[in-house]
């Protein structure tokens, strides 16, 4: 978060002046120019933050698409390896299993 935005209450407070009148009363005055300057600073910073947020969202789209493409490609490779492994296991099982007729012939 931008520090200027966090400083907003201090900017507004800085625009106020309190004067002790030495008669038990005080006078509070507000400098409108300081308030306007502080408001302009805050508006500029808010605009910058908004632009940064828009850029981040726009840049996230292609990154998400690339990640999805990478995941799809990797999933295809894993599926291919699983299928090949399954076929290999099936061949190994077929080669090691003998039928009862083959067992009798061997005796």
C-alpha atoms as a PDB file:
ATOM      1  CA  UNK A   1       0.000   0.000   0.000  1.00  0.00           C
ATOM      2  CA  UNK A   2       1.223   3.445  -0.812  1.00  0.00           C
ATOM      3  CA  UNK A   3       2.581   5.465   2.115  1.00  0.00           C
ATOM      4  CA  UNK A   4       1.008   8.697   0.877  1.00  0.00           C
ATOM      5  CA  UNK A   5      -2.454   7.201   1.215  1.00  0.00           C
ATOM      6  CA  UNK A   6      -1.637   6.131   4.751  1.00  0.00           C
ATOM      7  CA  UNK A   7      -0.504   9.680   5.502  1.00  0.00           C
ATOM      8  CA  UNK A   8      -3.867  11.208   4.462  1.00  0.00           C
ATOM      9  CA  UNK A   9      -5.065  11.881   8.008  1.00  0.00           C
ATOM     10  CA  UNK A  10      -1.768  13.627   8.783  1.00  0.00           C
ATOM     11  CA  UNK A  11      -2.076  15.794   5.667  1.00  0.00           C
ATOM     12  CA  UNK A  12      -5.532  16.931   6.738  1.00  0.00           C
ATOM     13  CA  UNK A  13      -4.396  17.459  10.306  1.00  0.00           C
ATOM     14  CA  UNK A  14      -1.507  19.584   9.034  1.00  0.00           C
ATOM     15  CA  UNK A  15      -4.006  21.930   7.418  1.00  0.00           C
ATOM     16  CA  UNK A  16      -5.490  22.824  10.815  1.00  0.00           C
ATOM     17  CA  UNK A  17      -4.067  25.451  13.164  1.00  0.00           C
ATOM     18  CA  UNK A  18      -5.067  25.908  16.781  1.00  0.00           C
ATOM     19  CA  UNK A  19      -4.365  29.215  18.509  1.00  0.00           C
ATOM     20  CA  UNK A  20      -4.667  29.773  22.248  1.00  0.00           C
ATOM     21  CA  UNK A  21      -6.259  33.193  22.830  1.00  0.00           C
ATOM     22  CA  UNK A  22      -5.009  33.397  26.469  1.00  0.00           C
ATOM     23  CA  UNK A  23      -8.536  34.104  27.638  1.00  0.00           C
ATOM     24  CA  UNK A  24      -9.664  30.538  28.102  1.00  0.00           C
ATOM     25  CA  UNK A  25     -10.684  30.136  24.488  1.00  0.00           C
ATOM     26  CA  UNK A  26      -8.965  28.745  21.426  1.00  0.00           C
ATOM     27  CA  UNK A  27      -9.308  29.434  17.727  1.00  0.00           C
ATOM     28  CA  UNK A  28      -9.158  26.703  15.104  1.00  0.00           C
ATOM     29  CA  UNK A  29      -8.385  27.714  11.535  1.00  0.00           C
ATOM     30  CA  UNK A  30      -8.206  25.581   8.428  1.00  0.00           C
ATOM     31  CA  UNK A  31      -5.879  26.269   5.501  1.00  0.00           C
ATOM     32  CA  UNK A  32      -7.950  25.377   2.451  1.00  0.00           C
ATOM     33  CA  UNK A  33      -4.890  25.497   0.183  1.00  0.00           C
ATOM     34  CA  UNK A  34      -3.193  22.766   2.190  1.00  0.00           C
ATOM     35  CA  UNK A  35      -6.325  20.645   2.054  1.00  0.00           C
ATOM     36  CA  UNK A  36      -6.529  21.062  -1.725  1.00  0.00           C
ATOM     37  CA  UNK A  37      -2.848  20.207  -2.120  1.00  0.00           C
ATOM     38  CA  UNK A  38      -3.268  17.135   0.075  1.00  0.00           C
ATOM     39  CA  UNK A  39      -6.343  16.097  -1.869  1.00  0.00           C
ATOM     40  CA  UNK A  40      -4.455  16.478  -5.159  1.00  0.00           C
ATOM     41  CA  UNK A  41      -1.574  14.374  -3.832  1.00  0.00           C
ATOM     42  CA  UNK A  42      -3.993  11.669  -2.675  1.00  0.00           C
ATOM     43  CA  UNK A  43      -5.869  11.703  -5.994  1.00  0.00           C
ATOM     44  CA  UNK A  44      -2.605  11.338  -7.930  1.00  0.00           C
ATOM     45  CA  UNK A  45      -1.429   8.476  -5.746  1.00  0.00           C
ATOM     46  CA  UNK A  46      -4.809   6.748  -5.983  1.00  0.00           C
ATOM     47  CA  UNK A  47      -4.627   7.068  -9.768  1.00  0.00           C
ATOM     48  CA  UNK A  48      -1.154   5.519  -9.806  1.00  0.00           C
ATOM     49  CA  UNK A  49      -2.274   2.633  -7.600  1.00  0.00           C
ATOM     50  CA  UNK A  50      -5.322   2.082  -9.802  1.00  0.00           C
ATOM     51  CA  UNK A  51      -3.171   1.997 -12.928  1.00  0.00           C
ATOM     52  CA  UNK A  52      -0.808  -0.486 -11.300  1.00  0.00           C
ATOM     53  CA  UNK A  53      -3.749  -2.713 -10.370  1.00  0.00           C
ATOM     54  CA  UNK A  54      -5.098  -2.605 -13.938  1.00  0.00           C
ATOM     55  CA  UNK A  55      -1.667  -3.511 -15.327  1.00  0.00           C
ATOM     56  CA  UNK A  56      -1.337  -6.397 -12.886  1.00  0.00           C
ATOM     57  CA  UNK A  57      -4.727  -7.794 -13.917  1.00  0.00           C
ATOM     58  CA  UNK A  58      -3.970  -7.373 -17.627  1.00  0.00           C
ATOM     59  CA  UNK A  59      -0.599  -9.091 -17.247  1.00  0.00           C
ATOM     60  CA  UNK A  60      -2.103 -11.940 -15.250  1.00  0.00           C
ATOM     61  CA  UNK A  61      -4.260 -13.117 -18.199  1.00  0.00           C
ATOM     62  CA  UNK A  62      -1.424 -14.302 -20.455  1.00  0.00           C
ATOM     63  CA  UNK A  63       0.419 -15.826 -17.499  1.00  0.00           C
ATOM     64  CA  UNK A  64      -2.684 -17.816 -16.531  1.00  0.00           C
ATOM     65  CA  UNK A  65      -3.176 -18.960 -20.129  1.00  0.00           C
ATOM     66  CA  UNK A  66       0.453 -20.099 -20.330  1.00  0.00           C
ATOM     67  CA  UNK A  67       0.136 -21.967 -17.028  1.00  0.00           C
ATOM     68  CA  UNK A  68      -2.994 -23.720 -18.254  1.00  0.00           C
ATOM     69  CA  UNK A  69      -1.218 -24.691 -21.469  1.00  0.00           C
ATOM     70  CA  UNK A  70       1.782 -25.998 -19.508  1.00  0.00           C
ATOM     71  CA  UNK A  71      -0.483 -28.014 -17.195  1.00  0.00           C
ATOM     72  CA  UNK A  72      -2.352 -29.511 -20.171  1.00  0.00           C
ATOM     73  CA  UNK A  73       0.916 -30.460 -21.879  1.00  0.00           C
ATOM     74  CA  UNK A  74       2.309 -32.045 -18.706  1.00  0.00           C
ATOM     75  CA  UNK A  75      -0.931 -33.908 -18.060  1.00  0.00           C
ATOM     76  CA  UNK A  76      -0.694 -35.340 -21.588  1.00  0.00           C
ATOM     77  CA  UNK A  77       2.858 -36.542 -20.941  1.00  0.00           C
ATOM     78  CA  UNK A  78       1.825 -38.131 -17.626  1.00  0.00           C
ATOM     79  CA  UNK A  79      -1.127 -39.848 -19.286  1.00  0.00           C
ATOM     80  CA  UNK A  80       1.170 -41.158 -22.029  1.00  0.00           C
ATOM     81  CA  UNK A  81       3.642 -42.506 -19.465  1.00  0.00           C
ATOM     82  CA  UNK A  82       0.840 -44.110 -17.457  1.00  0.00           C
ATOM     83  CA  UNK A  83      -0.542 -45.775 -20.556  1.00  0.00           C
ATOM     84  CA  UNK A  84       2.907 -47.060 -21.555  1.00  0.00           C
ATOM     85  CA  UNK A  85       3.508 -48.351 -18.030  1.00  0.00           C
ATOM     86  CA  UNK A  86       0.124 -50.074 -18.026  1.00  0.00           C
ATOM     87  CA  UNK A  87       0.929 -51.791 -21.324  1.00  0.00           C
ATOM     88  CA  UNK A  88       4.328 -52.864 -19.986  1.00  0.00           C
ATOM     89  CA  UNK A  89       2.785 -54.295 -16.828  1.00  0.00           C
ATOM     90  CA  UNK A  90       0.168 -56.089 -18.903  1.00  0.00           C
ATOM     91  CA  UNK A  91       2.898 -57.656 -21.097  1.00  0.00           C
ATOM     92  CA  UNK A  92       4.882 -58.704 -18.015  1.00  0.00           C
ATOM     93  CA  UNK A  93       1.802 -60.276 -16.447  1.00  0.00           C
ATOM     94  CA  UNK A  94       0.892 -62.034 -19.674  1.00  0.00           C
ATOM     95  CA  UNK A  95       4.426 -63.409 -19.988  1.00  0.00           C
ATOM     96  CA  UNK A  96       4.557 -64.672 -16.403  1.00  0.00           C
ATOM     97  CA  UNK A  97       1.081 -66.214 -16.205  1.00  0.00           C
ATOM     98  CA  UNK A  98       0.736 -69.738 -17.469  1.00  0.00           C
ATOM     99  CA  UNK A  99      -2.501 -71.500 -18.233  1.00  0.00           C
ATOM    100  CA  UNK A 100      -3.382 -74.851 -16.611  1.00  0.00           C
ATOM    101  CA  UNK A 101      -2.825 -76.623 -19.957  1.00  0.00           C
ATOM    102  CA  UNK A 102       0.700 -75.211 -20.199  1.00  0.00           C
ATOM    103  CA  UNK A 103       1.395 -76.233 -16.585  1.00  0.00           C
ATOM    104  CA  UNK A 104       0.329 -79.844 -17.321  1.00  0.00           C
ATOM    105  CA  UNK A 105       2.507 -79.969 -20.420  1.00  0.00           C
ATOM    106  CA  UNK A 106       5.524 -78.914 -18.434  1.00  0.00           C
ATOM    107  CA  UNK A 107       5.096 -81.806 -15.973  1.00  0.00           C
END
